[in-house]
PDB file of N, CA and C in Angstrom:
ATOM      1  N   MET A   1      -6.910   6.513 -29.206  1.00  0.00           N
ATOM      2  CA  MET A   1      -8.005   7.453 -29.038  1.00  0.00           C
ATOM      3  C   MET A   1      -7.766   8.403 -27.871  1.00  0.00           C
ATOM      4  N   ALA A   2      -7.057   7.942 -26.851  1.00  0.00           N
ATOM      5  CA  ALA A   2      -6.829   8.765 -25.666  1.00  0.00           C
ATOM      6  C   ALA A   2      -5.639   9.697 -25.825  1.00  0.00           C
ATOM      7  N   HIS A   3      -4.851   9.493 -26.854  1.00  0.00           N
ATOM      8  CA  HIS A   3      -3.612  10.248 -27.008  1.00  0.00           C
ATOM      9  C   HIS A   3      -3.827  11.762 -26.923  1.00  0.00           C
ATOM     10  N   GLY A   4      -4.801  12.289 -27.593  1.00  0.00           N
ATOM     11  CA  GLY A   4      -5.032  13.727 -27.641  1.00  0.00           C
ATOM     12  C   GLY A   4      -5.830  14.288 -26.481  1.00  0.00           C
ATOM     13  N   LEU A   5      -6.253  13.434 -25.573  1.00  0.00           N
ATOM     14  CA  LEU A   5      -7.062  13.897 -24.439  1.00  0.00           C
ATOM     15  C   LEU A   5      -6.201  14.545 -23.366  1.00  0.00           C
ATOM     16  N   ASN A   6      -6.753  15.549 -22.718  1.00  0.00           N
ATOM     17  CA  ASN A   6      -6.124  16.142 -21.548  1.00  0.00           C
ATOM     18  C   ASN A   6      -6.709  15.491 -20.300  1.00  0.00           C
ATOM     19  N   PRO A   7      -5.939  15.411 -19.226  1.00  0.00           N
ATOM     20  CA  PRO A   7      -6.485  14.860 -17.983  1.00  0.00           C
ATOM     21  C   PRO A   7      -7.657  15.704 -17.495  1.00  0.00           C
ATOM     22  N   VAL A   8      -8.726  15.042 -17.068  1.00  0.00           N
ATOM     23  CA  VAL A   8      -9.904  15.754 -16.572  1.00  0.00           C
ATOM     24  C   VAL A   8     -10.022  15.691 -15.063  1.00  0.00           C
ATOM     25  N   VAL A   9      -9.242  14.822 -14.426  1.00  0.00           N
ATOM     26  CA  VAL A   9      -9.236  14.687 -12.971  1.00  0.00           C
ATOM     27  C   VAL A   9      -7.789  14.620 -12.515  1.00  0.00           C
ATOM     28  N   MET A  10      -7.507  15.277 -11.393  1.00  0.00           N
ATOM     29  CA  MET A  10      -6.170  15.246 -10.808  1.00  0.00           C
ATOM     30  C   MET A  10      -6.247  14.625  -9.417  1.00  0.00           C
ATOM     31  N   VAL A  11      -5.292  13.751  -9.109  1.00  0.00           N
ATOM     32  CA  VAL A  11      -5.177  13.193  -7.759  1.00  0.00           C
ATOM     33  C   VAL A  11      -4.017  13.922  -7.101  1.00  0.00           C
ATOM     34  N   GLY A  12      -4.339  14.711  -6.082  1.00  0.00           N
ATOM     35  CA  GLY A  12      -3.335  15.529  -5.426  1.00  0.00           C
ATOM     36  C   GLY A  12      -3.000  15.052  -4.029  1.00  0.00           C
ATOM     37  N   LYS A  13      -2.604  15.986  -3.183  1.00  0.00           N
ATOM     38  CA  LYS A  13      -2.091  15.652  -1.856  1.00  0.00           C
ATOM     39  C   LYS A  13      -3.104  14.980  -0.949  1.00  0.00           C
ATOM     40  N   ASN A  14      -4.390  15.140  -1.223  1.00  0.00           N
ATOM     41  CA  ASN A  14      -5.417  14.519  -0.381  1.00  0.00           C
ATOM     42  C   ASN A  14      -5.812  13.129  -0.861  1.00  0.00           C
ATOM     43  N   GLY A  15      -5.267  12.701  -1.979  1.00  0.00           N
ATOM     44  CA  GLY A  15      -5.511  11.354  -2.465  1.00  0.00           C
ATOM     45  C   GLY A  15      -6.904  11.148  -3.027  1.00  0.00           C
ATOM     46  N   LEU A  16      -7.440   9.978  -2.771  1.00  0.00           N
ATOM     47  CA  LEU A  16      -8.718   9.554  -3.339  1.00  0.00           C
ATOM     48  C   LEU A  16      -9.858  10.011  -2.435  1.00  0.00           C
ATOM     49  N   THR A  17     -10.194  11.284  -2.531  1.00  0.00           N
ATOM     50  CA  THR A  17     -11.249  11.870  -1.708  1.00  0.00           C
ATOM     51  C   THR A  17     -12.621  11.618  -2.341  1.00  0.00           C
ATOM     52  N   ASP A  18     -13.659  11.952  -1.597  1.00  0.00           N
ATOM     53  CA  ASP A  18     -15.016  11.846  -2.146  1.00  0.00           C
ATOM     54  C   ASP A  18     -15.158  12.700  -3.403  1.00  0.00           C
ATOM     55  N   GLY A  19     -14.504  13.865  -3.397  1.00  0.00           N
ATOM     56  CA  GLY A  19     -14.554  14.741  -4.560  1.00  0.00           C
ATOM     57  C   GLY A  19     -13.913  14.121  -5.788  1.00  0.00           C
ATOM     58  N   VAL A  20     -12.814  13.396  -5.584  1.00  0.00           N
ATOM     59  CA  VAL A  20     -12.153  12.720  -6.702  1.00  0.00           C
ATOM     60  C   VAL A  20     -13.043  11.610  -7.231  1.00  0.00           C
ATOM     61  N   TRP A  21     -13.621  10.820  -6.324  1.00  0.00           N
ATOM     62  CA  TRP A  21     -14.546   9.745  -6.751  1.00  0.00           C
ATOM     63  C   TRP A  21     -15.667  10.328  -7.610  1.00  0.00           C
ATOM     64  N   GLN A  22     -16.270  11.397  -7.123  1.00  0.00           N
ATOM     65  CA  GLN A  22     -17.397  12.013  -7.830  1.00  0.00           C
ATOM     66  C   GLN A  22     -16.943  12.581  -9.177  1.00  0.00           C
ATOM     67  N   ALA A  23     -15.786  13.230  -9.193  1.00  0.00           N
ATOM     68  CA  ALA A  23     -15.278  13.812 -10.433  1.00  0.00           C
ATOM     69  C   ALA A  23     -14.998  12.730 -11.480  1.00  0.00           C
ATOM     70  N   VAL A  24     -14.422  11.617 -11.061  1.00  0.00           N
ATOM     71  CA  VAL A  24     -14.136  10.522 -11.998  1.00  0.00           C
ATOM     72  C   VAL A  24     -15.443   9.928 -12.522  1.00  0.00           C
ATOM     73  N   ASP A  25     -16.401   9.700 -11.634  1.00  0.00           N
ATOM     74  CA  ASP A  25     -17.691   9.135 -12.045  1.00  0.00           C
ATOM     75  C   ASP A  25     -18.385  10.054 -13.049  1.00  0.00           C
ATOM     76  N   GLU A  26     -18.410  11.352 -12.766  1.00  0.00           N
ATOM     77  CA  GLU A  26     -19.051  12.307 -13.671  1.00  0.00           C
ATOM     78  C   GLU A  26     -18.303  12.404 -15.002  1.00  0.00           C
ATOM     79  N   ALA A  27     -16.974  12.393 -14.943  1.00  0.00           N
ATOM     80  CA  ALA A  27     -16.185  12.471 -16.170  1.00  0.00           C
ATOM     81  C   ALA A  27     -16.421  11.249 -17.051  1.00  0.00           C
ATOM     82  N   LEU A  28     -16.488  10.070 -16.439  1.00  0.00           N
ATOM     83  CA  LEU A  28     -16.778   8.857 -17.214  1.00  0.00           C
ATOM     84  C   LEU A  28     -18.171   8.924 -17.827  1.00  0.00           C
ATOM     85  N   GLU A  29     -19.116   9.454 -17.074  1.00  0.00           N
ATOM     86  CA  GLU A  29     -20.484   9.577 -17.583  1.00  0.00           C
ATOM     87  C   GLU A  29     -20.543  10.537 -18.766  1.00  0.00           C
ATOM     88  N   ASN A  30     -19.788  11.625 -18.675  1.00  0.00           N
ATOM     89  CA  ASN A  30     -19.837  12.656 -19.716  1.00  0.00           C
ATOM     90  C   ASN A  30     -18.923  12.392 -20.910  1.00  0.00           C
ATOM     91  N   HIS A  31     -17.806  11.708 -20.677  1.00  0.00           N
ATOM     92  CA  HIS A  31     -16.797  11.559 -21.733  1.00  0.00           C
ATOM     93  C   HIS A  31     -16.496  10.110 -22.122  1.00  0.00           C
ATOM     94  N   GLU A  32     -16.812   9.166 -21.261  1.00  0.00           N
ATOM     95  CA  GLU A  32     -16.549   7.734 -21.444  1.00  0.00           C
ATOM     96  C   GLU A  32     -15.064   7.389 -21.348  1.00  0.00           C
ATOM     97  N   LEU A  33     -14.211   8.060 -22.078  1.00  0.00           N
ATOM     98  CA  LEU A  33     -12.773   7.797 -22.081  1.00  0.00           C
ATOM     99  C   LEU A  33     -12.091   8.997 -21.437  1.00  0.00           C
ATOM    100  N   ILE A  34     -11.379   8.778 -20.327  1.00  0.00           N
ATOM    101  CA  ILE A  34     -10.787   9.895 -19.596  1.00  0.00           C
ATOM    102  C   ILE A  34      -9.356   9.588 -19.173  1.00  0.00           C
ATOM    103  N   LYS A  35      -8.650  10.674 -18.872  1.00  0.00           N
ATOM    104  CA  LYS A  35      -7.316  10.580 -18.281  1.00  0.00           C
ATOM    105  C   LYS A  35      -7.361  11.177 -16.884  1.00  0.00           C
ATOM    106  N   ILE A  36      -6.643  10.527 -15.966  1.00  0.00           N
ATOM    107  CA  ILE A  36      -6.498  11.012 -14.601  1.00  0.00           C
ATOM    108  C   ILE A  36      -5.010  11.222 -14.374  1.00  0.00           C
ATOM    109  N   LYS A  37      -4.642  12.412 -13.922  1.00  0.00           N
ATOM    110  CA  LYS A  37      -3.230  12.710 -13.666  1.00  0.00           C
ATOM    111  C   LYS A  37      -2.942  12.614 -12.172  1.00  0.00           C
ATOM    112  N   PHE A  38      -1.875  11.911 -11.848  1.00  0.00           N
ATOM    113  CA  PHE A  38      -1.447  11.771 -10.470  1.00  0.00           C
ATOM    114  C   PHE A  38      -0.348  12.789 -10.182  1.00  0.00           C
ATOM    115  N   ILE A  39      -0.699  13.819  -9.404  1.00  0.00           N
ATOM    116  CA  ILE A  39       0.260  14.817  -8.981  1.00  0.00           C
ATOM    117  C   ILE A  39       0.982  14.295  -7.736  1.00  0.00           C
ATOM    118  N   ASP A  40       0.243  13.662  -6.852  1.00  0.00           N
ATOM    119  CA  ASP A  40       0.760  12.976  -5.667  1.00  0.00           C
ATOM    120  C   ASP A  40       0.251  11.536  -5.720  1.00  0.00           C
ATOM    121  N   PHE A  41       0.653  10.732  -4.765  1.00  0.00           N
ATOM    122  CA  PHE A  41       0.249   9.324  -4.695  1.00  0.00           C
ATOM    123  C   PHE A  41       0.672   8.546  -5.943  1.00  0.00           C
ATOM    124  N   LYS A  42       1.775   8.963  -6.540  1.00  0.00           N
ATOM    125  CA  LYS A  42       2.259   8.335  -7.773  1.00  0.00           C
ATOM    126  C   LYS A  42       2.602   6.858  -7.565  1.00  0.00           C
ATOM    127  N   ASP A  43       3.101   6.526  -6.379  1.00  0.00           N
ATOM    128  CA  ASP A  43       3.452   5.137  -6.092  1.00  0.00           C
ATOM    129  C   ASP A  43       2.224   4.256  -5.902  1.00  0.00           C
ATOM    130  N   SER A  44       1.062   4.862  -5.701  1.00  0.00           N
ATOM    131  CA  SER A  44      -0.180   4.116  -5.465  1.00  0.00           C
ATOM    132  C   SER A  44      -1.122   4.148  -6.653  1.00  0.00           C
ATOM    133  N   LYS A  45      -0.668   4.675  -7.781  1.00  0.00           N
ATOM    134  CA  LYS A  45      -1.590   4.865  -8.914  1.00  0.00           C
ATOM    135  C   LYS A  45      -2.201   3.562  -9.415  1.00  0.00           C
ATOM    136  N   GLN A  46      -1.437   2.475  -9.412  1.00  0.00           N
ATOM    137  CA  GLN A  46      -1.965   1.185  -9.865  1.00  0.00           C
ATOM    138  C   GLN A  46      -3.096   0.720  -8.940  1.00  0.00           C
ATOM    139  N   GLU A  47      -2.868   0.823  -7.651  1.00  0.00           N
ATOM    140  CA  GLU A  47      -3.872   0.414  -6.662  1.00  0.00           C
ATOM    141  C   GLU A  47      -5.115   1.305  -6.735  1.00  0.00           C
ATOM    142  N   ILE A  48      -4.896   2.605  -6.823  1.00  0.00           N
ATOM    143  CA  ILE A  48      -6.020   3.545  -6.907  1.00  0.00           C
ATOM    144  C   ILE A  48      -6.814   3.324  -8.193  1.00  0.00           C
ATOM    145  N   ALA A  49      -6.126   3.096  -9.297  1.00  0.00           N
ATOM    146  CA  ALA A  49      -6.804   2.812 -10.566  1.00  0.00           C
ATOM    147  C   ALA A  49      -7.651   1.555 -10.437  1.00  0.00           C
ATOM    148  N   GLY A  50      -7.134   0.545  -9.759  1.00  0.00           N
ATOM    149  CA  GLY A  50      -7.899  -0.681  -9.528  1.00  0.00           C
ATOM    150  C   GLY A  50      -9.153  -0.438  -8.713  1.00  0.00           C
ATOM    151  N   GLN A  51      -9.041   0.381  -7.679  1.00  0.00           N
ATOM    152  CA  GLN A  51     -10.202   0.721  -6.857  1.00  0.00           C
ATOM    153  C   GLN A  51     -11.252   1.460  -7.682  1.00  0.00           C
ATOM    154  N   LEU A  52     -10.800   2.414  -8.478  1.00  0.00           N
ATOM    155  CA  LEU A  52     -11.733   3.185  -9.307  1.00  0.00           C
ATOM    156  C   LEU A  52     -12.447   2.299 -10.319  1.00  0.00           C
ATOM    157  N   THR A  53     -11.693   1.440 -11.001  1.00  0.00           N
ATOM    158  CA  THR A  53     -12.317   0.604 -12.026  1.00  0.00           C
ATOM    159  C   THR A  53     -13.321  -0.363 -11.417  1.00  0.00           C
ATOM    160  N   LYS A  54     -12.979  -0.943 -10.290  1.00  0.00           N
ATOM    161  CA  LYS A  54     -13.879  -1.904  -9.660  1.00  0.00           C
ATOM    162  C   LYS A  54     -15.154  -1.225  -9.151  1.00  0.00           C
ATOM    163  N   THR A  55     -14.997  -0.133  -8.446  1.00  0.00           N
ATOM    164  CA  THR A  55     -16.141   0.532  -7.824  1.00  0.00           C
ATOM    165  C   THR A  55     -17.023   1.248  -8.848  1.00  0.00           C
ATOM    166  N   LEU A  56     -16.411   1.828  -9.879  1.00  0.00           N
ATOM    167  CA  LEU A  56     -17.162   2.615 -10.859  1.00  0.00           C
ATOM    168  C   LEU A  56     -17.490   1.843 -12.130  1.00  0.00           C
ATOM    169  N   SER A  57     -17.240   0.537 -12.126  1.00  0.00           N
ATOM    170  CA  SER A  57     -17.526  -0.316 -13.290  1.00  0.00           C
ATOM    171  C   SER A  57     -16.888   0.222 -14.563  1.00  0.00           C
ATOM    172  N   ALA A  58     -15.613   0.580 -14.446  1.00  0.00           N
ATOM    173  CA  ALA A  58     -14.870   1.106 -15.586  1.00  0.00           C
ATOM    174  C   ALA A  58     -13.789   0.106 -15.984  1.00  0.00           C
ATOM    175  N   GLU A  59     -13.163   0.369 -17.095  1.00  0.00           N
ATOM    176  CA  GLU A  59     -12.067  -0.460 -17.583  1.00  0.00           C
ATOM    177  C   GLU A  59     -10.780   0.349 -17.529  1.00  0.00           C
ATOM    178  N   LEU A  60      -9.721  -0.271 -17.053  1.00  0.00           N
ATOM    179  CA  LEU A  60      -8.410   0.361 -17.072  1.00  0.00           C
ATOM    180  C   LEU A  60      -7.808   0.132 -18.456  1.00  0.00           C
ATOM    181  N   ILE A  61      -7.648   1.205 -19.190  1.00  0.00           N
ATOM    182  CA  ILE A  61      -7.095   1.112 -20.537  1.00  0.00           C
ATOM    183  C   ILE A  61      -5.574   1.074 -20.477  1.00  0.00           C
ATOM    184  N   GLY A  62      -5.009   1.868 -19.581  1.00  0.00           N
ATOM    185  CA  GLY A  62      -3.563   1.856 -19.463  1.00  0.00           C
ATOM    186  C   GLY A  62      -3.061   2.881 -18.474  1.00  0.00           C
ATOM    187  N   ILE A  63      -1.779   2.739 -18.146  1.00  0.00           N
ATOM    188  CA  ILE A  63      -1.088   3.701 -17.303  1.00  0.00           C
ATOM    189  C   ILE A  63       0.182   4.089 -18.046  1.00  0.00           C
ATOM    190  N   ILE A  64       0.320   5.377 -18.294  1.00  0.00           N
ATOM    191  CA  ILE A  64       1.496   5.897 -18.975  1.00  0.00           C
ATOM    192  C   ILE A  64       2.084   6.982 -18.084  1.00  0.00           C
ATOM    193  N   GLY A  65       3.235   6.710 -17.520  1.00  0.00           N
ATOM    194  CA  GLY A  65       3.833   7.661 -16.588  1.00  0.00           C
ATOM    195  C   GLY A  65       2.934   7.829 -15.384  1.00  0.00           C
ATOM    196  N   ASN A  66       2.503   9.043 -15.131  1.00  0.00           N
ATOM    197  CA  ASN A  66       1.609   9.327 -14.018  1.00  0.00           C
ATOM    198  C   ASN A  66       0.189   9.626 -14.480  1.00  0.00           C
ATOM    199  N   ILE A  67      -0.157   9.088 -15.626  1.00  0.00           N
ATOM    200  CA  ILE A  67      -1.496   9.252 -16.206  1.00  0.00           C
ATOM    201  C   ILE A  67      -2.173   7.889 -16.275  1.00  0.00           C
ATOM    202  N   VAL A  68      -3.404   7.843 -15.761  1.00  0.00           N
ATOM    203  CA  VAL A  68      -4.232   6.637 -15.838  1.00  0.00           C
ATOM    204  C   VAL A  68      -5.341   6.910 -16.848  1.00  0.00           C
ATOM    205  N   ILE A  69      -5.586   5.952 -17.725  1.00  0.00           N
ATOM    206  CA  ILE A  69      -6.641   6.085 -18.734  1.00  0.00           C
ATOM    207  C   ILE A  69      -7.745   5.091 -18.405  1.00  0.00           C
ATOM    208  N   LEU A  70      -8.962   5.599 -18.227  1.00  0.00           N
ATOM    209  CA  LEU A  70     -10.125   4.767 -17.897  1.00  0.00           C
ATOM    210  C   LEU A  70     -11.201   4.921 -18.965  1.00  0.00           C
ATOM    211  N   TYR A  71     -12.016   3.884 -19.087  1.00  0.00           N
ATOM    212  CA  TYR A  71     -13.130   3.884 -20.039  1.00  0.00           C
ATOM    213  C   TYR A  71     -14.340   3.229 -19.391  1.00  0.00           C
ATOM    214  N   ARG A  72     -15.491   3.840 -19.592  1.00  0.00           N
ATOM    215  CA  ARG A  72     -16.768   3.231 -19.200  1.00  0.00           C
ATOM    216  C   ARG A  72     -17.799   3.620 -20.246  1.00  0.00           C
ATOM    217  N   GLN A  73     -18.333   2.614 -20.921  1.00  0.00           N
ATOM    218  CA  GLN A  73     -19.311   2.857 -21.978  1.00  0.00           C
ATOM    219  C   GLN A  73     -20.612   3.389 -21.390  1.00  0.00           C
ATOM    220  N   ASN A  74     -21.152   4.403 -22.039  1.00  0.00           N
ATOM    221  CA  ASN A  74     -22.437   4.947 -21.630  1.00  0.00           C
ATOM    222  C   ASN A  74     -23.517   3.923 -21.952  1.00  0.00           C
ATOM    223  N   PRO A  75     -24.382   3.600 -20.977  1.00  0.00           N
ATOM    224  CA  PRO A  75     -25.423   2.600 -21.246  1.00  0.00           C
ATOM    225  C   PRO A  75     -26.445   3.047 -22.291  1.00  0.00           C
ATOM    226  N   ASP A  76     -26.588   4.355 -22.475  1.00  0.00           N
ATOM    227  CA  ASP A  76     -27.518   4.885 -23.470  1.00  0.00           C
ATOM    228  C   ASP A  76     -26.782   4.983 -24.805  1.00  0.00           C
ATOM    229  N   GLU A  77     -27.163   4.132 -25.744  1.00  0.00           N
ATOM    230  CA  GLU A  77     -26.473   4.062 -27.033  1.00  0.00           C
ATOM    231  C   GLU A  77     -26.448   5.399 -27.760  1.00  0.00           C
ATOM    232  N   GLU A  78     -27.492   6.194 -27.610  1.00  0.00           N
ATOM    233  CA  GLU A  78     -27.553   7.483 -28.299  1.00  0.00           C
ATOM    234  C   GLU A  78     -26.599   8.510 -27.707  1.00  0.00           C
ATOM    235  N   LYS A  79     -26.165   8.314 -26.457  1.00  0.00           N
ATOM    236  CA  LYS A  79     -25.262   9.257 -25.795  1.00  0.00           C
ATOM    237  C   LYS A  79     -23.796   8.818 -25.864  1.00  0.00           C
ATOM    238  N   ARG A  80     -23.528   7.715 -26.516  1.00  0.00           N
ATOM    239  CA  ARG A  80     -22.159   7.221 -26.584  1.00  0.00           C
ATOM    240  C   ARG A  80     -21.302   8.153 -27.432  1.00  0.00           C
ATOM    241  N   ILE A  81     -20.130   8.412 -26.931  1.00  0.00           N
ATOM    242  CA  ILE A  81     -19.179   9.287 -27.607  1.00  0.00           C
ATOM    243  C   ILE A  81     -18.102   8.457 -28.288  1.00  0.00           C
ATOM    244  N   VAL A  82     -17.631   7.444 -27.588  1.00  0.00           N
ATOM    245  CA  VAL A  82     -16.566   6.589 -28.104  1.00  0.00           C
ATOM    246  C   VAL A  82     -17.203   5.423 -28.842  1.00  0.00           C
ATOM    247  N   ILE A  83     -16.895   5.323 -30.113  1.00  0.00           N
ATOM    248  CA  ILE A  83     -17.441   4.262 -30.941  1.00  0.00           C
ATOM    249  C   ILE A  83     -16.269   3.385 -31.428  1.00  0.00           C
ATOM    250  N   PHE A  84     -16.338   2.115 -31.115  1.00  0.00           N
ATOM    251  CA  PHE A  84     -15.312   1.193 -31.554  1.00  0.00           C
ATOM    252  C   PHE A  84     -15.799   0.464 -32.785  1.00  0.00           C
ATOM    253  N   GLU A  85     -14.900   0.275 -33.723  1.00  0.00           N
ATOM    254  CA  GLU A  85     -15.245  -0.503 -34.909  1.00  0.00           C
ATOM    255  C   GLU A  85     -15.268  -1.973 -34.525  1.00  0.00           C
ATOM    256  N   LYS A  86     -16.218  -2.680 -35.065  1.00  0.00           N
ATOM    257  CA  LYS A  86     -16.315  -4.125 -34.787  1.00  0.00           C
ATOM    258  C   LYS A  86     -15.181  -4.838 -35.504  1.00  0.00           C
ATOM    259  N   THR A  87     -14.591  -5.783 -34.810  1.00  0.00           N
ATOM    260  CA  THR A  87     -13.538  -6.592 -35.419  1.00  0.00           C
ATOM    261  C   THR A  87     -14.136  -7.914 -35.850  1.00  0.00           C
ATOM    262  N   ARG A  88     -13.462  -8.577 -36.735  1.00  0.00           N
ATOM    263  CA  ARG A  88     -13.993  -9.843 -37.265  1.00  0.00           C
ATOM    264  C   ARG A  88     -13.947 -10.916 -36.260  1.00  0.00           C
TER     265      ARG A  88
END
């Protein structure tokens, strides 16, 4: 599902700033499934992804290269964008 998505947040030379935290939180609220591109801090992407998922109650879907994929389900069922099929 994330394959066709473009990154909506970039982590640059300033790292995990308040602006990045806010942008990730808003992107998860608006899109549920997002990509974050690491322009800098590439060696810390696993740690930063862990911090984001823990603090923002998101799930780490995966890391591919310098892209982190996060998911957080919208609590309002009517506003959910990502719908998963139920498995048996």
